[in-house]
Protein backbone atom coordinates (compact mmCIF):
# COMPACT_ATOMS: atom_id res chain seq x y z
CA UNK A 1 -12.28 7.50 -10.32
CA UNK A 2 -8.71 6.64 -11.22
CA UNK A 3 -7.32 3.12 -11.38
CA UNK A 4 -3.98 1.65 -10.41
CA UNK A 5 -2.25 -1.73 -10.41
CA UNK A 6 -0.52 -2.76 -7.20
CA UNK A 7 2.09 -5.54 -7.31
CA UNK A 8 3.11 -6.80 -3.87
CA UNK A 9 5.52 -9.47 -5.09
CA UNK A 10 4.42 -12.50 -3.08
CA UNK A 11 6.60 -15.55 -3.59
CA UNK A 12 5.06 -18.76 -2.26
CA UNK A 13 7.89 -21.22 -1.94
CA UNK A 14 8.92 -21.84 1.68
CA UNK A 15 5.51 -21.30 3.32
CA UNK A 16 6.97 -20.51 6.75
CA UNK A 17 3.55 -19.53 8.14
CA UNK A 18 2.77 -23.25 8.24
CA UNK A 19 5.93 -24.30 10.08
CA UNK A 20 4.11 -24.58 13.42
CA UNK A 21 1.53 -26.92 11.86
CA UNK A 22 -1.34 -24.74 13.09
CA UNK A 23 -2.75 -24.68 9.56
CA UNK A 24 -2.44 -26.58 6.29
CA UNK A 25 -1.05 -24.86 3.21
CA UNK A 26 -3.92 -24.43 0.71
CA UNK A 27 -1.71 -22.96 -2.03
CA UNK A 28 1.32 -25.21 -2.62
CA UNK A 29 2.77 -23.30 -5.56
CA UNK A 30 6.41 -22.36 -6.08
CA UNK A 31 7.82 -19.24 -7.70
CA UNK A 32 11.38 -18.03 -8.08
CA UNK A 33 12.58 -14.53 -7.26
CA UNK A 34 13.30 -13.94 -10.95
CA UNK A 35 9.80 -14.99 -11.99
CA UNK A 36 8.22 -12.60 -9.46
CA UNK A 37 10.24 -9.62 -10.65
CA UNK A 38 9.80 -10.37 -14.36
CA UNK A 39 6.04 -10.72 -13.90
CA UNK A 40 5.81 -7.37 -12.09
CA UNK A 41 7.56 -5.67 -15.00
CA UNK A 42 5.27 -7.37 -17.52
CA UNK A 43 2.25 -6.33 -15.47
CA UNK A 44 3.41 -2.71 -15.34
CA UNK A 45 3.78 -2.56 -19.13
CA UNK A 46 0.33 -4.11 -19.63
CA UNK A 47 -1.21 -1.68 -17.12
CA UNK A 48 -0.03 1.24 -19.24
CA UNK A 49 -1.28 -0.42 -22.42
CA UNK A 50 -4.74 -0.99 -20.91
CA UNK A 51 -5.19 2.57 -19.66
CA UNK A 52 -4.57 2.21 -15.93
CA UNK A 53 -3.53 5.48 -14.31
CA UNK A 54 -0.79 4.23 -11.99
CA UNK A 55 1.48 1.31 -11.09
CA UNK A 56 2.58 0.54 -7.52
CA UNK A 57 4.96 -1.85 -5.82
CA UNK A 58 5.33 -2.72 -2.14
CA UNK A 59 8.25 -2.45 0.26
CA UNK A 60 8.80 -5.31 2.70
CA UNK A 61 11.62 -7.50 3.96
CA UNK A 62 12.39 -10.94 5.31
CA UNK A 63 9.24 -12.85 4.30
CA UNK A 64 7.39 -14.25 1.31
CA UNK A 65 4.62 -11.71 1.90
CA UNK A 66 6.68 -9.54 -0.46
CA UNK A 67 10.17 -9.94 -1.87
CA UNK A 68 10.25 -6.34 -3.12
CA UNK A 69 12.83 -5.14 -0.63
CA UNK A 70 14.43 -2.55 -2.95
CA UNK A 71 11.33 -0.85 -4.35
CA UNK A 72 13.01 2.30 -5.63
CA UNK A 73 15.20 0.15 -7.89
CA UNK A 74 12.10 -1.67 -9.12
CA UNK A 75 10.35 1.64 -9.84
CA UNK A 76 13.34 2.83 -11.85
CA UNK A 77 12.92 -0.23 -14.09
CA UNK A 78 9.18 0.38 -14.39
CA UNK A 79 9.78 4.05 -15.23
CA UNK A 80 12.14 3.00 -18.01
CA UNK A 81 9.57 0.61 -19.51
CA UNK A 82 6.61 2.99 -19.40
CA UNK A 83 5.85 6.51 -20.57
CA UNK A 84 2.49 7.60 -19.14
CA UNK A 85 1.41 5.86 -15.91
CA UNK A 86 2.19 7.37 -12.53
CA UNK A 87 4.45 5.23 -10.38
CA UNK A 88 4.83 4.80 -6.64
CA UNK A 89 5.81 2.61 -3.70
CA UNK A 90 2.93 1.61 -1.47
CA UNK A 91 4.52 2.44 0.72
CA UNK A 92 8.11 3.54 1.24
CA UNK A 93 8.68 2.56 4.88
CA UNK A 94 10.10 5.90 5.95
CA UNK A 95 11.55 4.78 9.35
CA UNK A 96 13.86 2.32 7.58
CA UNK A 97 15.56 4.94 5.43
CA UNK A 98 18.07 7.70 5.94
CA UNK A 99 15.79 10.65 5.11
CA UNK A 100 18.42 12.40 2.96
CA UNK A 101 19.14 9.19 1.04
CA UNK A 102 15.40 8.60 0.60
CA UNK A 103 14.87 12.16 -0.64
CA UNK A 104 17.61 11.76 -3.24
CA UNK A 105 16.30 8.38 -4.41
CA UNK A 106 12.75 9.67 -4.81
CA UNK A 107 13.83 12.84 -6.58
CA UNK A 108 15.86 10.69 -8.98
CA UNK A 109 12.76 8.58 -9.70
CA UNK A 110 10.74 11.71 -10.39
CA UNK A 111 13.38 12.84 -12.89
CA UNK A 112 13.70 9.44 -14.58
CA UNK A 113 9.93 9.16 -14.92
CA UNK A 114 9.58 12.77 -16.17
CA UNK A 115 7.43 13.80 -13.23
CA UNK A 116 5.27 10.70 -12.79
CA UNK A 117 6.16 9.86 -9.18
CA UNK A 118 3.64 9.69 -6.33
CA UNK A 119 5.30 9.33 -2.91
CA UNK A 120 3.60 6.71 -0.77
CA UNK A 121 4.73 7.21 2.83
CA UNK A 122 4.20 4.55 5.50
CA UNK A 123 5.59 3.63 8.90
CA UNK A 124 5.33 -0.16 8.69
CA UNK A 125 3.58 -2.70 10.88
CA UNK A 126 5.64 -5.92 10.88
CA UNK A 127 7.53 -6.00 14.15
CA UNK A 128 10.13 -8.51 13.05
CA UNK A 129 11.18 -6.29 10.14
CA UNK A 130 11.97 -3.55 12.66
CA UNK A 131 13.67 -6.01 15.02
CA UNK A 132 15.95 -7.35 12.29
CA UNK A 133 16.83 -3.84 11.13
CA UNK A 134 17.61 -2.94 14.75
CA UNK A 135 14.83 -0.34 15.01
CA UNK A 136 12.24 0.24 17.72
CA UNK A 137 8.80 -0.08 16.16
CA UNK A 138 7.31 2.17 18.86
CA UNK A 139 9.26 5.06 17.30
CA UNK A 140 7.80 4.53 13.83
CA UNK A 141 5.29 7.38 13.82
CA UNK A 142 7.85 9.94 15.02
CA UNK A 143 10.43 8.63 12.54
CA UNK A 144 7.92 8.93 9.69
CA UNK A 145 7.02 12.52 10.56
CA UNK A 146 10.67 13.56 10.94
CA UNK A 147 11.79 11.68 7.84
CA UNK A 148 9.13 13.29 5.65
CA UNK A 149 9.90 16.72 7.10
CA UNK A 150 13.52 16.30 6.05
CA UNK A 151 12.60 14.95 2.61
CA UNK A 152 10.24 17.84 1.87
CA UNK A 153 12.84 20.38 2.94
CA UNK A 154 15.43 18.60 0.79
CA UNK A 155 13.12 18.91 -2.22
CA UNK A 156 12.05 22.52 -1.63
CA UNK A 157 14.99 24.36 -0.03
CA UNK A 158 18.35 25.12 -1.63
CA UNK A 159 20.22 24.53 1.63
CA UNK A 160 19.18 23.63 5.17
CA UNK A 161 20.44 22.13 8.41
CA UNK A 162 18.56 19.90 10.82
CA UNK A 163 18.55 19.08 14.51
CA UNK A 164 15.84 16.55 15.23
CA UNK A 165 15.03 13.62 17.48
CA UNK A 166 16.63 11.04 15.17
CA UNK A 167 18.56 13.06 12.58
CA UNK A 168 21.01 15.94 12.88
CA UNK A 169 23.28 17.35 10.20
CA UNK A 170 24.96 20.66 9.29
CA UNK A 171 23.83 22.89 6.45
CA UNK A 172 23.69 20.87 3.25
CA UNK A 173 22.58 21.22 -0.37
CA UNK A 174 20.58 18.15 -1.39
CA UNK A 175 20.54 17.25 -5.07
CA UNK A 176 18.84 16.40 -7.34
CA UNK A 177 15.53 18.21 -6.96
CA UNK A 178 12.34 16.54 -8.23
CA UNK A 179 10.68 17.59 -11.48
CA UNK A 180 7.30 18.21 -9.84
CA UNK A 181 7.00 21.48 -7.94
CA UNK A 182 7.14 22.00 -5.07
CA UNK A 183 7.48 18.21 -4.79
CA UNK A 184 5.68 15.02 -5.91
CA UNK A 185 2.25 14.36 -4.36
CA UNK A 186 2.41 12.50 -1.05
CA UNK A 187 -0.09 9.84 0.02
CA UNK A 188 0.19 8.49 3.57
CA UNK A 189 -0.68 4.92 4.50
CA UNK A 190 -3.41 4.76 7.16
CA UNK A 191 -4.95 1.43 8.10
CA UNK A 192 -5.84 1.39 11.81
CA UNK A 193 -5.01 4.60 13.68
CA UNK A 194 -7.02 7.84 13.96
CA UNK A 195 -3.76 9.50 15.02
CA UNK A 196 -2.34 8.77 11.58
CA UNK A 197 -5.39 10.41 10.01
CA UNK A 198 -4.51 13.57 11.94
CA UNK A 199 -0.97 13.58 10.51
CA UNK A 200 -2.27 13.21 6.94
CA UNK A 201 -4.83 15.99 7.45
CA UNK A 202 -2.33 18.34 9.09
CA UNK A 203 0.07 17.97 6.14
CA UNK A 204 -2.66 17.91 3.47
CA UNK A 205 -1.41 14.53 2.25
CA UNK A 206 -3.57 12.08 0.36
CA UNK A 207 -4.76 8.93 2.12
CA UNK A 208 -3.50 5.51 1.10
CA UNK A 209 -5.53 2.68 2.60
CA UNK A 210 -5.49 -1.10 2.68
CA UNK A 211 -8.85 -1.94 4.15
CA UNK A 212 -9.35 1.31 6.04
CA UNK A 213 -13.03 1.41 5.18
CA UNK A 214 -13.22 -1.59 7.49
CA UNK A 215 -11.66 -0.04 10.59
CA UNK A 216 -13.74 2.18 12.89
CA UNK A 217 -12.39 5.55 13.92
CA UNK A 218 -13.13 4.73 17.58
CA UNK A 219 -14.31 1.62 19.45
CA UNK A 220 -17.79 3.05 20.03
CA UNK A 221 -18.22 4.39 16.50
CA UNK A 222 -18.97 2.81 13.14
CA UNK A 223 -17.42 5.80 11.38
CA UNK A 224 -14.54 4.41 9.33
CA UNK A 225 -11.12 5.99 8.94
CA UNK A 226 -11.73 7.06 5.35
CA UNK A 227 -14.82 9.02 6.36
CA UNK A 228 -12.97 10.45 9.37
CA UNK A 229 -10.18 11.67 7.07
CA UNK A 230 -12.60 13.10 4.50
CA UNK A 231 -14.61 14.91 7.17
CA UNK A 232 -11.52 16.42 8.80
CA UNK A 233 -10.12 17.54 5.46
CA UNK A 234 -13.41 19.23 4.54
CA UNK A 235 -13.69 20.81 7.99
CA UNK A 236 -10.18 22.23 7.60
CA UNK A 237 -11.15 23.96 4.36
CA UNK A 238 -10.02 21.51 1.68
CA UNK A 239 -12.37 21.27 -1.30
CA UNK A 240 -13.81 17.83 -2.07
CA UNK A 241 -12.16 17.75 -5.50
CA UNK A 242 -8.75 18.27 -3.88
CA UNK A 243 -9.03 15.26 -1.55
CA UNK A 244 -7.32 12.02 -2.57
CA UNK A 245 -8.33 8.68 -1.06
CA UNK A 246 -6.69 5.58 -2.53
CA UNK A 247 -8.03 2.15 -1.56
CA UNK A 248 -6.28 -1.15 -2.27
CA UNK A 249 -8.37 -4.29 -2.74
CA UNK A 250 -7.51 -7.83 -3.77
CA UNK A 251 -8.88 -7.87 -7.30
CA UNK A 252 -9.66 -10.63 -9.77
CA UNK A 253 -12.21 -10.53 -12.59
CA UNK A 254 -13.40 -13.59 -14.50
CA UNK A 255 -16.37 -14.26 -16.76
CA UNK A 256 -18.16 -15.94 -13.84
CA UNK A 257 -17.99 -15.45 -10.09
CA UNK A 258 -17.46 -19.19 -9.63
CA UNK A 259 -14.33 -19.13 -11.81
CA UNK A 260 -12.91 -16.14 -9.96
CA UNK A 261 -13.51 -17.71 -6.55
CA UNK A 262 -12.06 -21.06 -7.63
CA UNK A 263 -8.81 -19.34 -8.63
CA UNK A 264 -8.61 -16.89 -5.74
CA UNK A 265 -9.85 -18.82 -2.69
CA UNK A 266 -6.65 -20.81 -2.03
CA UNK A 267 -4.51 -17.79 -2.92
CA UNK A 268 -6.33 -15.53 -0.49
CA UNK A 269 -6.27 -18.18 2.22
CA UNK A 270 -2.48 -18.42 1.82
CA UNK A 271 -2.14 -14.63 1.87
CA UNK A 272 -4.43 -14.40 4.89
CA UNK A 273 -2.43 -17.01 6.78
CA UNK A 274 0.73 -15.06 5.98
CA UNK A 275 -0.96 -11.88 7.14
CA UNK A 276 -1.88 -13.47 10.46
CA UNK A 277 1.63 -14.93 10.85
CA UNK A 278 3.23 -11.51 10.37
CA UNK A 279 0.74 -9.60 12.53
CA UNK A 280 0.57 -12.11 15.38
CA UNK A 281 3.62 -10.73 17.30
CA UNK A 282 2.15 -7.22 17.33
CA UNK A 283 -1.31 -8.49 18.24
CA UNK A 284 0.07 -10.52 21.17
CA UNK A 285 1.83 -7.45 22.52
CA UNK A 286 -1.26 -5.31 21.94
CA UNK A 287 -3.35 -7.78 23.95
CA UNK A 288 -0.78 -7.63 26.73
CA UNK A 289 -1.12 -3.89 27.16
CA UNK A 290 -0.44 -2.25 23.83
CA UNK A 291 2.43 -1.23 21.64
CA UNK A 292 2.88 2.52 21.35
CA UNK A 293 1.42 3.64 18.04
CA UNK A 294 -0.19 0.27 17.29
CA UNK A 295 -2.88 0.02 19.95
CA UNK A 296 -5.61 -0.49 17.34
CA UNK A 297 -3.92 -3.52 15.78
CA UNK A 298 -5.60 -5.69 18.41
CA UNK A 299 -8.66 -5.35 16.15
CA UNK A 300 -6.94 -6.41 12.93
CA UNK A 301 -9.19 -8.64 10.75
CA UNK A 302 -6.33 -11.09 10.19
CA UNK A 303 -6.28 -11.64 13.96
CA UNK A 304 -10.04 -11.40 14.54
CA UNK A 305 -11.76 -12.88 11.48
CA UNK A 306 -15.20 -12.25 13.02
CA UNK A 307 -14.62 -8.53 12.42
CA UNK A 308 -14.14 -9.19 8.72
CA UNK A 309 -17.23 -11.40 8.67
CA UNK A 310 -19.22 -8.57 10.26
CA UNK A 311 -18.29 -6.11 7.50
CA UNK A 312 -18.34 -8.67 4.70
CA UNK A 313 -15.58 -9.87 2.34
CA UNK A 314 -16.20 -6.93 0.00
CA UNK A 315 -14.50 -4.72 2.60
CA UNK A 316 -11.18 -6.30 1.62
CA UNK A 317 -11.61 -7.50 -1.97
CA UNK A 318 -13.14 -7.01 -5.41
CA UNK A 319 -13.48 -10.51 -6.83
CA UNK A 320 -16.03 -11.99 -9.20
CA UNK A 321 -17.58 -11.33 -12.57
CA UNK A 322 -17.44 -7.81 -14.07
CA UNK A 323 -20.85 -6.86 -12.64
CA UNK A 324 -19.84 -7.90 -9.11
CA UNK A 325 -16.52 -6.06 -9.25
CA UNK A 326 -18.24 -3.00 -10.73
CA UNK A 327 -20.59 -3.02 -7.73
CA UNK A 328 -17.67 -3.11 -5.28
CA UNK A 329 -15.89 -0.22 -6.98
CA UNK A 330 -19.13 1.78 -7.07
CA UNK A 331 -19.53 1.26 -3.33
CA UNK A 332 -16.00 2.52 -2.71
CA UNK A 333 -16.68 5.56 -4.88
CA UNK A 334 -19.67 6.37 -2.66
CA UNK A 335 -17.30 6.26 0.34
CA UNK A 336 -15.08 9.07 -1.01
CA UNK A 337 -12.50 6.77 -2.68
CA UNK A 338 -10.91 8.56 -5.65
CA UNK A 339 -8.29 5.96 -6.66
CA UNK A 340 -9.01 2.24 -6.80
CA UNK A 341 -5.79 0.23 -6.66
CA UNK A 342 -6.05 -3.40 -7.72
CA UNK A 343 -3.88 -5.77 -5.71
CA UNK A 344 -3.00 -8.06 -8.60
CA UNK A 345 -0.71 -10.84 -7.41
CA UNK A 346 -2.19 -12.14 -4.15
CA UNK A 347 -0.90 -15.57 -3.26
CA UNK A 348 1.76 -15.43 -5.93
CA UNK A 349 -0.43 -15.17 -9.02
CA UNK A 350 1.73 -15.14 -12.14
CA UNK A 351 1.46 -12.69 -15.02
CA UNK A 352 -0.15 -15.39 -17.17
CA UNK A 353 -2.82 -15.85 -14.49
CA UNK A 354 -3.61 -12.14 -14.01
CA UNK A 355 -3.43 -10.95 -17.62
CA UNK A 356 -6.99 -11.99 -18.44
CA UNK A 357 -8.29 -10.40 -15.25
CA UNK A 358 -6.52 -7.13 -16.02
CA UNK A 359 -7.95 -7.06 -19.54
CA UNK A 360 -11.50 -7.79 -18.35
CA UNK A 361 -11.25 -5.10 -15.67
CA UNK A 362 -9.99 -2.54 -18.19
CA UNK A 363 -12.67 -3.47 -20.72
CA UNK A 364 -15.75 -3.98 -18.55
CA UNK A 365 -15.20 -2.08 -15.28
CA UNK A 366 -12.98 0.95 -15.82
CA UNK A 367 -15.10 2.57 -18.56
CA UNK A 368 -18.05 2.79 -16.16
CA UNK A 369 -16.12 5.28 -13.99
CA UNK A 370 -14.44 7.50 -16.58
């Protein structure tokens, strides 16, 4: 098992998910943009010091769910402050980017970090982000596939031209090339859709999940998407040791479970309310007949909490004393997870608040899996 730190960059300040007065804000803290960014950088440096294997940041826009809207710039700063840990965006929202620009940015990060980049590729799920950017969210899967095709060719071919559904350009030489050959490892975000599993398997990409062990592969099946991916990879001839499954969980370790829950309960309630607020538009459309590519979001646990209750809170978090968190990680390991990524700053936790948790996790959990 490998271990990573994932910093989403939540900034509780305006609390717009409570503007309609449907719920009461349980987490009335305030953070500035500067504080969020400085704490992410501090956390990245500490992660390397403590022996974590990787550091990740999010990419989102237009909400306090995450203010990391320029993640490649943030990774450049992290690369400059560290020497060993792998770095990545979880995930670069491929449909938002010019594929050639994205390929150049990511190759630059691989060079700056001396070959430590992991490419997290995702298609996004927040409809209003797409609306504000002037993009059709129903095209996201096709845009991801085409964008990654262009990026890989940019990294591996001296010159090429392209005539696709969304991008066309004459023969071009794309520089720089990444350090890693033929290109950095690619992990694809899959959270709800079996169709996305098929794309990851076809391309032999790793799987990047946020709660995918929760979601069934089909309505009549209890087989989760992680197991579906693992089975399809094995059936297609990939050896078990060559399969990468990364799972993100809200993580907080304290000396007692009571202390951990006291700190995290209002934070997670705030983050959950934000999650429902951002997913609600897609869920409403899904209930009305579906949104192409997002049909399974009608069964999102932020929209249907009874689904989360059925699977248990451990399906989305690793919170408690070291023994409890160790148990959660061990369960994920039994479900083919190879990389456990700790979501550190849920609800706007500051560096001062997460430092002790990071140290306890590194001291009392990580050694049990090395």
